[in-house]
Amino acid sequence: MEDTRWYALTARHQHEKPVSAALGVRKLQTFLPLYLSRRRWSDRTRTLELPLFPGYIFCNMGPSQRNLALSTPGVTGIVGFGNGPEPVPGFEIDNLMMIAKSGLPVEPCALLKTGDEVTIDDGPLRGLRGKLLRDADRHQLVVGVNLLQRAIAVTLTIDQAWPAQPTRIRPQPERAAAAKAS
């Protein structure tokens, strides 16, 4: 079985849903996080289901499936750097899926460079880590996909969030032994 990873595919403007469906027909696993947005026109108001990351679809695939994904109508590329496609870390996809399943209100927002990193200790997002954003009378947790330089915000009550503990890194045994020897 081929090792698969999540990648961010770019899609033609406003073609994310049909591209996701076409990738599914090709037996590729996709994830297209959506949110509800009320849009107002002069004669009516509608609630639309829009992509949280406009222009992008996440696809779980192996190296041999890249050409299949790229040949799908509406797909314009795979996000990456000069040396090729760059996978999206699995924990970022897991965070997005957890938020999508929670049923909580969510909306796109700018990825923050500053802010408090918090962990949610209660409710459907328990264990989720992200950055806390304060907006007037509400609090939001921001979860991002660094590769895309995009993020989403989910509204929460402040009593659910606690300061995140810094990750402790264990010294490697060979490095610790070398440090003691010198």
N, C-alpha and C. Protein backbone atom coordinates (compact mmCIF):
# COMPACT_ATOMS: atom_id res chain seq x y z
N MET A 1 0.85 -1.18 0.00
CA MET A 1 0.00 0.00 0.00
C MET A 1 0.89 1.24 0.00
N GLU A 2 0.59 2.15 -0.87
CA GLU A 2 1.37 3.37 -1.01
C GLU A 2 1.10 4.33 0.15
N ASP A 3 2.17 4.97 0.64
CA ASP A 3 2.05 5.96 1.71
C ASP A 3 1.42 7.23 1.14
N THR A 4 0.31 7.67 1.76
CA THR A 4 -0.37 8.87 1.28
C THR A 4 -0.21 9.99 2.30
N ARG A 5 -0.28 11.22 1.79
CA ARG A 5 -0.21 12.41 2.63
C ARG A 5 -1.20 13.42 2.09
N TRP A 6 -1.55 14.39 2.94
CA TRP A 6 -2.47 15.44 2.53
C TRP A 6 -1.71 16.54 1.81
N TYR A 7 -2.27 16.98 0.68
CA TYR A 7 -1.71 18.09 -0.08
C TYR A 7 -2.82 19.11 -0.35
N ALA A 8 -2.43 20.34 -0.53
CA ALA A 8 -3.38 21.39 -0.89
C ALA A 8 -3.32 21.56 -2.40
N LEU A 9 -4.45 21.32 -3.06
CA LEU A 9 -4.54 21.52 -4.50
C LEU A 9 -5.15 22.89 -4.75
N THR A 10 -4.68 23.56 -5.79
CA THR A 10 -5.30 24.82 -6.18
C THR A 10 -6.35 24.54 -7.25
N ALA A 11 -7.42 25.31 -7.19
CA ALA A 11 -8.53 25.11 -8.12
C ALA A 11 -8.91 26.43 -8.77
N ARG A 12 -9.53 26.33 -9.94
CA ARG A 12 -10.04 27.53 -10.61
C ARG A 12 -10.99 28.26 -9.69
N HIS A 13 -11.08 29.57 -9.89
CA HIS A 13 -11.93 30.43 -9.07
C HIS A 13 -13.36 29.91 -9.01
N GLN A 14 -13.88 29.73 -7.81
CA GLN A 14 -15.24 29.27 -7.53
C GLN A 14 -15.56 27.89 -8.12
N HIS A 15 -14.55 27.03 -8.24
CA HIS A 15 -14.75 25.68 -8.75
C HIS A 15 -14.39 24.61 -7.70
N GLU A 16 -14.29 25.01 -6.43
CA GLU A 16 -13.83 24.07 -5.41
C GLU A 16 -14.76 22.87 -5.25
N LYS A 17 -16.08 23.09 -5.22
CA LYS A 17 -17.02 21.98 -5.02
C LYS A 17 -17.02 21.00 -6.20
N PRO A 18 -17.11 21.48 -7.46
CA PRO A 18 -17.07 20.51 -8.56
C PRO A 18 -15.72 19.79 -8.67
N VAL A 19 -14.63 20.48 -8.34
CA VAL A 19 -13.31 19.83 -8.39
C VAL A 19 -13.24 18.75 -7.33
N SER A 20 -13.74 19.03 -6.12
CA SER A 20 -13.74 18.03 -5.06
C SER A 20 -14.56 16.81 -5.47
N ALA A 21 -15.70 17.04 -6.10
CA ALA A 21 -16.54 15.92 -6.57
C ALA A 21 -15.82 15.12 -7.66
N ALA A 22 -15.15 15.82 -8.58
CA ALA A 22 -14.43 15.13 -9.67
C ALA A 22 -13.27 14.30 -9.11
N LEU A 23 -12.58 14.81 -8.10
CA LEU A 23 -11.50 14.05 -7.47
C LEU A 23 -12.06 12.80 -6.79
N GLY A 24 -13.24 12.93 -6.19
CA GLY A 24 -13.89 11.79 -5.56
C GLY A 24 -14.26 10.71 -6.57
N VAL A 25 -14.71 11.13 -7.75
CA VAL A 25 -15.02 10.17 -8.81
C VAL A 25 -13.76 9.41 -9.21
N ARG A 26 -12.61 10.06 -9.11
CA ARG A 26 -11.33 9.42 -9.44
C ARG A 26 -10.77 8.64 -8.25
N LYS A 27 -11.60 8.44 -7.23
CA LYS A 27 -11.26 7.64 -6.04
C LYS A 27 -10.14 8.26 -5.21
N LEU A 28 -10.05 9.60 -5.22
CA LEU A 28 -9.10 10.30 -4.37
C LEU A 28 -9.86 10.88 -3.18
N GLN A 29 -9.29 10.74 -2.00
CA GLN A 29 -9.91 11.26 -0.78
C GLN A 29 -9.67 12.76 -0.71
N THR A 30 -10.77 13.52 -0.54
CA THR A 30 -10.65 14.97 -0.48
C THR A 30 -11.27 15.49 0.80
N PHE A 31 -10.91 16.71 1.13
CA PHE A 31 -11.52 17.42 2.26
C PHE A 31 -11.67 18.86 1.83
N LEU A 32 -12.91 19.32 1.80
CA LEU A 32 -13.23 20.69 1.43
C LEU A 32 -14.02 21.31 2.57
N PRO A 33 -13.33 21.98 3.52
CA PRO A 33 -14.06 22.59 4.63
C PRO A 33 -14.90 23.77 4.16
N LEU A 34 -16.16 23.80 4.59
CA LEU A 34 -17.11 24.82 4.17
C LEU A 34 -17.66 25.57 5.38
N TYR A 35 -18.20 26.75 5.14
CA TYR A 35 -18.88 27.51 6.18
C TYR A 35 -20.12 28.16 5.58
N LEU A 36 -21.04 28.56 6.45
CA LEU A 36 -22.27 29.21 6.01
C LEU A 36 -22.09 30.72 6.06
N SER A 37 -22.49 31.38 4.98
CA SER A 37 -22.37 32.83 4.90
C SER A 37 -23.68 33.40 4.35
N ARG A 38 -24.19 34.40 5.04
CA ARG A 38 -25.41 35.06 4.56
C ARG A 38 -25.00 36.16 3.59
N ARG A 39 -25.55 36.11 2.40
CA ARG A 39 -25.28 37.11 1.37
C ARG A 39 -26.55 37.85 1.05
N ARG A 40 -26.41 39.13 0.91
CA ARG A 40 -27.58 39.97 0.67
C ARG A 40 -27.48 40.63 -0.70
N TRP A 41 -28.54 40.49 -1.48
CA TRP A 41 -28.67 41.17 -2.75
C TRP A 41 -29.79 42.19 -2.59
N SER A 42 -30.02 42.98 -3.60
CA SER A 42 -31.05 44.02 -3.50
C SER A 42 -32.45 43.44 -3.30
N ASP A 43 -32.71 42.24 -3.84
CA ASP A 43 -34.06 41.67 -3.78
C ASP A 43 -34.19 40.47 -2.83
N ARG A 44 -33.09 39.96 -2.26
CA ARG A 44 -33.19 38.78 -1.40
C ARG A 44 -31.92 38.59 -0.57
N THR A 45 -32.05 37.73 0.41
CA THR A 45 -30.91 37.31 1.24
C THR A 45 -30.86 35.79 1.18
N ARG A 46 -29.65 35.24 0.98
CA ARG A 46 -29.48 33.79 0.92
C ARG A 46 -28.34 33.37 1.82
N THR A 47 -28.42 32.16 2.29
CA THR A 47 -27.32 31.55 3.03
C THR A 47 -26.60 30.62 2.07
N LEU A 48 -25.32 30.88 1.91
CA LEU A 48 -24.50 30.09 0.98
C LEU A 48 -23.48 29.26 1.75
N GLU A 49 -23.15 28.12 1.21
CA GLU A 49 -22.09 27.28 1.76
C GLU A 49 -20.84 27.55 0.93
N LEU A 50 -19.84 28.19 1.55
CA LEU A 50 -18.64 28.62 0.85
C LEU A 50 -17.40 27.93 1.41
N PRO A 51 -16.35 27.79 0.60
CA PRO A 51 -15.11 27.18 1.09
C PRO A 51 -14.43 28.08 2.13
N LEU A 52 -13.93 27.46 3.20
CA LEU A 52 -13.16 28.20 4.19
C LEU A 52 -11.83 28.68 3.62
N PHE A 53 -11.30 27.95 2.67
CA PHE A 53 -10.05 28.31 2.00
C PHE A 53 -10.32 28.44 0.51
N PRO A 54 -10.83 29.60 0.07
CA PRO A 54 -11.18 29.75 -1.34
C PRO A 54 -9.99 29.45 -2.26
N GLY A 55 -10.27 28.65 -3.29
CA GLY A 55 -9.23 28.31 -4.26
C GLY A 55 -8.43 27.07 -3.91
N TYR A 56 -8.74 26.41 -2.78
CA TYR A 56 -7.97 25.24 -2.35
C TYR A 56 -8.87 24.08 -1.98
N ILE A 57 -8.38 22.87 -2.24
CA ILE A 57 -9.01 21.61 -1.84
C ILE A 57 -7.89 20.75 -1.28
N PHE A 58 -8.15 20.08 -0.17
CA PHE A 58 -7.16 19.18 0.40
C PHE A 58 -7.39 17.79 -0.17
N CYS A 59 -6.31 17.12 -0.56
CA CYS A 59 -6.41 15.80 -1.18
C CYS A 59 -5.37 14.88 -0.55
N ASN A 60 -5.81 13.70 -0.11
CA ASN A 60 -4.92 12.70 0.48
C ASN A 60 -4.49 11.76 -0.64
N MET A 61 -3.21 11.82 -0.99
CA MET A 61 -2.74 11.02 -2.13
C MET A 61 -1.27 10.66 -1.97
N GLY A 62 -0.87 9.66 -2.75
CA GLY A 62 0.52 9.25 -2.82
C GLY A 62 1.18 9.83 -4.06
N PRO A 63 2.50 9.66 -4.16
CA PRO A 63 3.22 10.21 -5.32
C PRO A 63 2.69 9.73 -6.67
N SER A 64 2.24 8.47 -6.73
CA SER A 64 1.76 7.93 -8.02
C SER A 64 0.40 8.51 -8.41
N GLN A 65 -0.28 9.19 -7.49
CA GLN A 65 -1.61 9.72 -7.79
C GLN A 65 -1.57 11.21 -8.13
N ARG A 66 -0.41 11.82 -8.08
CA ARG A 66 -0.32 13.27 -8.35
C ARG A 66 -0.77 13.63 -9.76
N ASN A 67 -0.35 12.85 -10.76
CA ASN A 67 -0.76 13.14 -12.13
C ASN A 67 -2.27 12.98 -12.31
N LEU A 68 -2.84 12.00 -11.62
CA LEU A 68 -4.30 11.81 -11.67
C LEU A 68 -5.00 13.04 -11.11
N ALA A 69 -4.51 13.56 -9.99
CA ALA A 69 -5.10 14.77 -9.39
C ALA A 69 -4.91 15.98 -10.30
N LEU A 70 -3.70 16.14 -10.83
CA LEU A 70 -3.40 17.31 -11.66
C LEU A 70 -4.17 17.30 -12.98
N SER A 71 -4.55 16.12 -13.47
CA SER A 71 -5.29 16.04 -14.73
C SER A 71 -6.81 16.20 -14.53
N THR A 72 -7.23 16.38 -13.30
CA THR A 72 -8.66 16.58 -13.01
C THR A 72 -9.07 17.98 -13.48
N PRO A 73 -10.16 18.09 -14.24
CA PRO A 73 -10.61 19.41 -14.69
C PRO A 73 -10.83 20.36 -13.52
N GLY A 74 -10.28 21.56 -13.63
CA GLY A 74 -10.41 22.57 -12.59
C GLY A 74 -9.24 22.65 -11.63
N VAL A 75 -8.43 21.60 -11.55
CA VAL A 75 -7.24 21.62 -10.70
C VAL A 75 -6.14 22.37 -11.45
N THR A 76 -5.55 23.36 -10.80
CA THR A 76 -4.50 24.16 -11.46
C THR A 76 -3.11 23.87 -10.92
N GLY A 77 -3.00 23.15 -9.81
CA GLY A 77 -1.68 22.83 -9.28
C GLY A 77 -1.74 22.25 -7.89
N ILE A 78 -0.54 21.95 -7.38
CA ILE A 78 -0.37 21.47 -6.01
C ILE A 78 0.52 22.48 -5.31
N VAL A 79 0.12 22.91 -4.12
CA VAL A 79 0.90 23.90 -3.38
C VAL A 79 2.22 23.27 -2.95
N GLY A 80 3.29 24.01 -3.20
CA GLY A 80 4.61 23.52 -2.82
C GLY A 80 5.64 24.61 -2.97
N PHE A 81 6.87 24.19 -2.87
CA PHE A 81 7.99 25.10 -3.01
C PHE A 81 8.80 24.70 -4.22
N GLY A 82 9.98 25.28 -4.41
CA GLY A 82 10.80 25.02 -5.59
C GLY A 82 11.12 23.56 -5.82
N ASN A 83 11.19 22.77 -4.75
CA ASN A 83 11.56 21.36 -4.92
C ASN A 83 10.36 20.43 -5.07
N GLY A 84 9.16 20.97 -5.25
CA GLY A 84 8.00 20.13 -5.50
C GLY A 84 6.88 20.35 -4.52
N PRO A 85 5.84 19.52 -4.61
CA PRO A 85 4.69 19.65 -3.73
C PRO A 85 5.09 19.49 -2.26
N GLU A 86 4.44 20.26 -1.40
CA GLU A 86 4.72 20.21 0.04
C GLU A 86 3.48 19.67 0.76
N PRO A 87 3.60 18.57 1.51
CA PRO A 87 2.42 18.05 2.22
C PRO A 87 1.99 18.98 3.35
N VAL A 88 0.70 18.96 3.63
CA VAL A 88 0.14 19.68 4.76
C VAL A 88 0.28 18.76 5.97
N PRO A 89 0.81 19.24 7.08
CA PRO A 89 0.94 18.36 8.26
C PRO A 89 -0.41 17.75 8.65
N GLY A 90 -0.39 16.48 8.96
CA GLY A 90 -1.61 15.75 9.30
C GLY A 90 -2.38 16.35 10.45
N PHE A 91 -1.67 16.89 11.47
CA PHE A 91 -2.38 17.46 12.62
C PHE A 91 -3.19 18.69 12.22
N GLU A 92 -2.74 19.45 11.20
CA GLU A 92 -3.51 20.61 10.75
C GLU A 92 -4.82 20.15 10.08
N ILE A 93 -4.77 19.09 9.29
CA ILE A 93 -5.98 18.54 8.67
C ILE A 93 -6.89 17.98 9.76
N ASP A 94 -6.31 17.27 10.75
CA ASP A 94 -7.11 16.74 11.86
C ASP A 94 -7.83 17.86 12.61
N ASN A 95 -7.13 18.98 12.85
CA ASN A 95 -7.75 20.12 13.53
C ASN A 95 -8.93 20.66 12.73
N LEU A 96 -8.74 20.81 11.42
CA LEU A 96 -9.81 21.32 10.56
C LEU A 96 -11.00 20.38 10.54
N MET A 97 -10.74 19.07 10.48
CA MET A 97 -11.83 18.08 10.46
C MET A 97 -12.59 18.09 11.78
N MET A 98 -11.86 18.25 12.89
CA MET A 98 -12.52 18.29 14.20
C MET A 98 -13.46 19.50 14.28
N ILE A 99 -13.00 20.63 13.78
CA ILE A 99 -13.83 21.83 13.79
C ILE A 99 -15.05 21.64 12.88
N ALA A 100 -14.84 21.05 11.70
CA ALA A 100 -15.95 20.83 10.77
C ALA A 100 -17.01 19.92 11.39
N LYS A 101 -16.60 18.91 12.15
CA LYS A 101 -17.55 17.98 12.77
C LYS A 101 -18.23 18.57 14.00
N SER A 102 -17.65 19.61 14.60
CA SER A 102 -18.17 20.16 15.85
C SER A 102 -19.53 20.84 15.69
N GLY A 103 -19.81 21.37 14.50
CA GLY A 103 -21.05 22.09 14.28
C GLY A 103 -21.03 23.51 14.81
N LEU A 104 -19.90 23.97 15.33
CA LEU A 104 -19.79 25.33 15.85
C LEU A 104 -19.65 26.32 14.70
N PRO A 105 -20.07 27.57 14.92
CA PRO A 105 -19.92 28.58 13.86
C PRO A 105 -18.45 28.80 13.54
N VAL A 106 -18.13 28.87 12.28
CA VAL A 106 -16.75 29.03 11.84
C VAL A 106 -16.73 30.00 10.67
N GLU A 107 -15.62 30.71 10.52
CA GLU A 107 -15.47 31.65 9.42
C GLU A 107 -14.00 31.81 9.10
N PRO A 108 -13.67 32.19 7.86
CA PRO A 108 -12.26 32.40 7.52
C PRO A 108 -11.74 33.66 8.21
N CYS A 109 -10.47 33.68 8.48
CA CYS A 109 -9.83 34.87 9.05
C CYS A 109 -8.37 34.86 8.63
N ALA A 110 -7.68 35.95 8.89
CA ALA A 110 -6.26 36.05 8.56
C ALA A 110 -5.46 35.22 9.56
N LEU A 111 -4.41 34.55 9.07
CA LEU A 111 -3.54 33.78 9.95
C LEU A 111 -2.75 34.75 10.81
N LEU A 112 -2.82 34.55 12.13
CA LEU A 112 -2.17 35.47 13.05
C LEU A 112 -0.69 35.12 13.23
N LYS A 113 0.12 36.10 13.35
CA LYS A 113 1.52 35.90 13.67
C LYS A 113 1.77 36.10 15.16
N THR A 114 0.87 36.84 15.81
CA THR A 114 0.99 37.07 17.24
C THR A 114 -0.30 36.62 17.91
N GLY A 115 -0.28 36.49 19.21
CA GLY A 115 -1.47 36.08 19.94
C GLY A 115 -1.14 34.96 20.90
N ASP A 116 -2.05 34.72 21.77
CA ASP A 116 -1.85 33.69 22.79
C ASP A 116 -2.18 32.32 22.22
N GLU A 117 -1.28 31.37 22.42
CA GLU A 117 -1.59 30.00 22.03
C GLU A 117 -2.36 29.36 23.17
N VAL A 118 -3.50 28.74 22.83
CA VAL A 118 -4.35 28.16 23.85
C VAL A 118 -4.71 26.71 23.50
N THR A 119 -5.15 25.98 24.51
CA THR A 119 -5.67 24.63 24.36
C THR A 119 -7.10 24.63 24.87
N ILE A 120 -7.99 23.97 24.16
CA ILE A 120 -9.39 23.87 24.57
C ILE A 120 -9.52 22.66 25.49
N ASP A 121 -10.14 22.87 26.67
CA ASP A 121 -10.21 21.77 27.64
C ASP A 121 -11.61 21.21 27.82
N ASP A 122 -12.61 21.72 27.08
CA ASP A 122 -13.98 21.28 27.27
C ASP A 122 -14.75 21.37 25.96
N GLY A 123 -15.79 20.57 25.84
CA GLY A 123 -16.67 20.65 24.67
C GLY A 123 -16.18 19.83 23.49
N PRO A 124 -16.79 20.04 22.31
CA PRO A 124 -16.46 19.21 21.15
C PRO A 124 -15.06 19.45 20.59
N LEU A 125 -14.41 20.53 21.00
CA LEU A 125 -13.06 20.83 20.50
C LEU A 125 -11.99 20.52 21.54
N ARG A 126 -12.32 19.74 22.54
CA ARG A 126 -11.38 19.41 23.62
C ARG A 126 -10.06 18.88 23.05
N GLY A 127 -8.95 19.45 23.54
CA GLY A 127 -7.63 19.03 23.10
C GLY A 127 -7.08 19.83 21.93
N LEU A 128 -7.91 20.65 21.32
CA LEU A 128 -7.49 21.44 20.16
C LEU A 128 -6.60 22.59 20.62
N ARG A 129 -5.52 22.83 19.89
CA ARG A 129 -4.62 23.95 20.17
C ARG A 129 -4.72 24.96 19.06
N GLY A 130 -4.63 26.22 19.42
CA GLY A 130 -4.66 27.28 18.43
C GLY A 130 -4.35 28.60 19.09
N LYS A 131 -4.55 29.66 18.35
CA LYS A 131 -4.30 31.01 18.87
C LYS A 131 -5.62 31.67 19.21
N LEU A 132 -5.61 32.36 20.33
CA LEU A 132 -6.81 33.04 20.79
C LEU A 132 -6.88 34.42 20.17
N LEU A 133 -8.04 34.73 19.63
CA LEU A 133 -8.30 36.03 19.03
C LEU A 133 -9.47 36.65 19.78
N ARG A 134 -9.32 37.88 20.20
CA ARG A 134 -10.40 38.57 20.89
C ARG A 134 -10.98 39.62 19.96
N ASP A 135 -12.28 39.54 19.77
CA ASP A 135 -12.97 40.46 18.86
C ASP A 135 -14.17 41.04 19.59
N ALA A 136 -14.04 42.24 20.11
CA ALA A 136 -15.10 42.94 20.85
C ALA A 136 -15.65 42.06 21.97
N ASP A 137 -16.86 41.54 21.81
CA ASP A 137 -17.51 40.78 22.88
C ASP A 137 -17.41 39.26 22.71
N ARG A 138 -16.61 38.79 21.78
CA ARG A 138 -16.52 37.34 21.59
C ARG A 138 -15.05 36.92 21.50
N HIS A 139 -14.85 35.63 21.71
CA HIS A 139 -13.52 35.05 21.61
C HIS A 139 -13.54 34.00 20.51
N GLN A 140 -12.46 33.94 19.78
CA GLN A 140 -12.36 32.95 18.71
C GLN A 140 -11.03 32.23 18.82
N LEU A 141 -11.03 30.97 18.42
CA LEU A 141 -9.82 30.19 18.34
C LEU A 141 -9.43 30.12 16.87
N VAL A 142 -8.20 30.49 16.58
CA VAL A 142 -7.72 30.51 15.20
C VAL A 142 -6.86 29.27 14.97
N VAL A 143 -7.20 28.50 13.94
CA VAL A 143 -6.45 27.32 13.54
C VAL A 143 -6.05 27.52 12.10
N GLY A 144 -4.77 27.34 11.80
CA GLY A 144 -4.30 27.66 10.46
C GLY A 144 -3.64 26.51 9.74
N VAL A 145 -3.46 26.72 8.45
CA VAL A 145 -2.67 25.84 7.60
C VAL A 145 -1.51 26.70 7.13
N ASN A 146 -0.36 26.53 7.79
CA ASN A 146 0.79 27.40 7.52
C ASN A 146 1.22 27.37 6.07
N LEU A 147 1.16 26.21 5.44
CA LEU A 147 1.58 26.08 4.05
C LEU A 147 0.80 27.03 3.14
N LEU A 148 -0.48 27.23 3.43
CA LEU A 148 -1.33 28.10 2.61
C LEU A 148 -1.33 29.54 3.11
N GLN A 149 -0.76 29.77 4.29
CA GLN A 149 -0.82 31.08 4.94
C GLN A 149 -2.27 31.54 5.06
N ARG A 150 -3.13 30.61 5.48
CA ARG A 150 -4.54 30.86 5.67
C ARG A 150 -4.96 30.27 7.01
N ALA A 151 -6.06 30.76 7.53
CA ALA A 151 -6.56 30.27 8.81
C ALA A 151 -8.07 30.38 8.85
N ILE A 152 -8.65 29.71 9.85
CA ILE A 152 -10.08 29.83 10.12
C ILE A 152 -10.24 30.14 11.60
N ALA A 153 -11.38 30.73 11.97
CA ALA A 153 -11.66 31.06 13.36
C ALA A 153 -12.97 30.42 13.77
N VAL A 154 -12.99 29.82 14.95
CA VAL A 154 -14.20 29.23 15.50
C VAL A 154 -14.52 29.98 16.80
N THR A 155 -15.78 30.37 16.96
CA THR A 155 -16.21 31.11 18.14
C THR A 155 -16.34 30.15 19.32
N LEU A 156 -15.85 30.59 20.49
CA LEU A 156 -15.92 29.76 21.68
C LEU A 156 -16.10 30.65 22.90
N THR A 157 -16.40 30.02 24.03
CA THR A 157 -16.48 30.77 25.28
C THR A 157 -15.10 30.77 25.90
N ILE A 158 -14.73 31.86 26.53
CA ILE A 158 -13.38 32.02 27.04
C ILE A 158 -13.05 31.00 28.13
N ASP A 159 -14.07 30.50 28.84
CA ASP A 159 -13.79 29.53 29.90
C ASP A 159 -13.39 28.17 29.35
N GLN A 160 -13.48 27.95 28.03
CA GLN A 160 -13.04 26.70 27.42
C GLN A 160 -11.54 26.71 27.13
N ALA A 161 -10.93 27.88 27.06
CA ALA A 161 -9.54 28.01 26.63
C ALA A 161 -8.61 28.19 27.82
N TRP A 162 -7.48 27.50 27.77
CA TRP A 162 -6.44 27.62 28.78
C TRP A 162 -5.12 27.83 28.08
N PRO A 163 -4.19 28.56 28.72
CA PRO A 163 -2.88 28.74 28.08
C PRO A 163 -2.25 27.38 27.77
N ALA A 164 -1.71 27.27 26.58
CA ALA A 164 -1.08 26.02 26.15
C ALA A 164 0.26 25.86 26.84
N GLN A 165 0.59 24.65 27.18
CA GLN A 165 1.89 24.36 27.78
C GLN A 165 2.91 24.21 26.66
N PRO A 166 4.12 24.78 26.84
CA PRO A 166 5.12 24.61 25.79
C PRO A 166 5.47 23.14 25.62
N THR A 167 5.72 22.76 24.39
CA THR A 167 6.11 21.39 24.10
C THR A 167 7.51 21.15 24.63
N ARG A 168 7.66 20.10 25.39
CA ARG A 168 8.98 19.76 25.92
C ARG A 168 9.66 18.82 24.95
N ILE A 169 10.89 19.12 24.62
CA ILE A 169 11.64 18.29 23.69
C ILE A 169 12.65 17.47 24.48
N ARG A 170 12.58 16.16 24.33
CA ARG A 170 13.52 15.27 25.00
C ARG A 170 14.84 15.28 24.26
N PRO A 171 15.96 15.31 25.00
CA PRO A 171 17.25 15.21 24.31
C PRO A 171 17.43 13.81 23.72
N GLN A 172 18.03 13.74 22.57
CA GLN A 172 18.32 12.46 21.94
C GLN A 172 19.40 11.76 22.74
N PRO A 173 19.30 10.43 22.97
CA PRO A 173 20.29 9.73 23.79
C PRO A 173 21.72 9.93 23.32
N GLU A 174 21.94 9.88 21.98
CA GLU A 174 23.31 10.03 21.49
C GLU A 174 23.83 11.46 21.71
N ARG A 175 22.93 12.45 21.62
CA ARG A 175 23.34 13.84 21.85
C ARG A 175 23.63 14.06 23.33
N ALA A 176 22.82 13.49 24.20
CA ALA A 176 23.04 13.64 25.64
C ALA A 176 24.35 13.02 26.06
N ALA A 177 24.65 11.84 25.49
CA ALA A 177 25.93 11.17 25.82
C ALA A 177 27.10 11.98 25.32
N ALA A 178 26.99 12.56 24.12
CA ALA A 178 28.08 13.37 23.56
C ALA A 178 28.27 14.62 24.38
N ALA A 179 27.19 15.20 24.89
CA ALA A 179 27.28 16.43 25.70
C ALA A 179 27.97 16.13 27.03
N LYS A 180 27.70 14.95 27.63
CA LYS A 180 28.34 14.58 28.89
C LYS A 180 29.82 14.29 28.69
N ALA A 181 30.18 13.73 27.53
CA ALA A 181 31.58 13.36 27.26
C ALA A 181 32.46 14.59 27.08
N SER A 182 31.88 15.72 26.65
CA SER A 182 32.72 16.89 26.39
C SER A 182 32.90 17.77 27.57
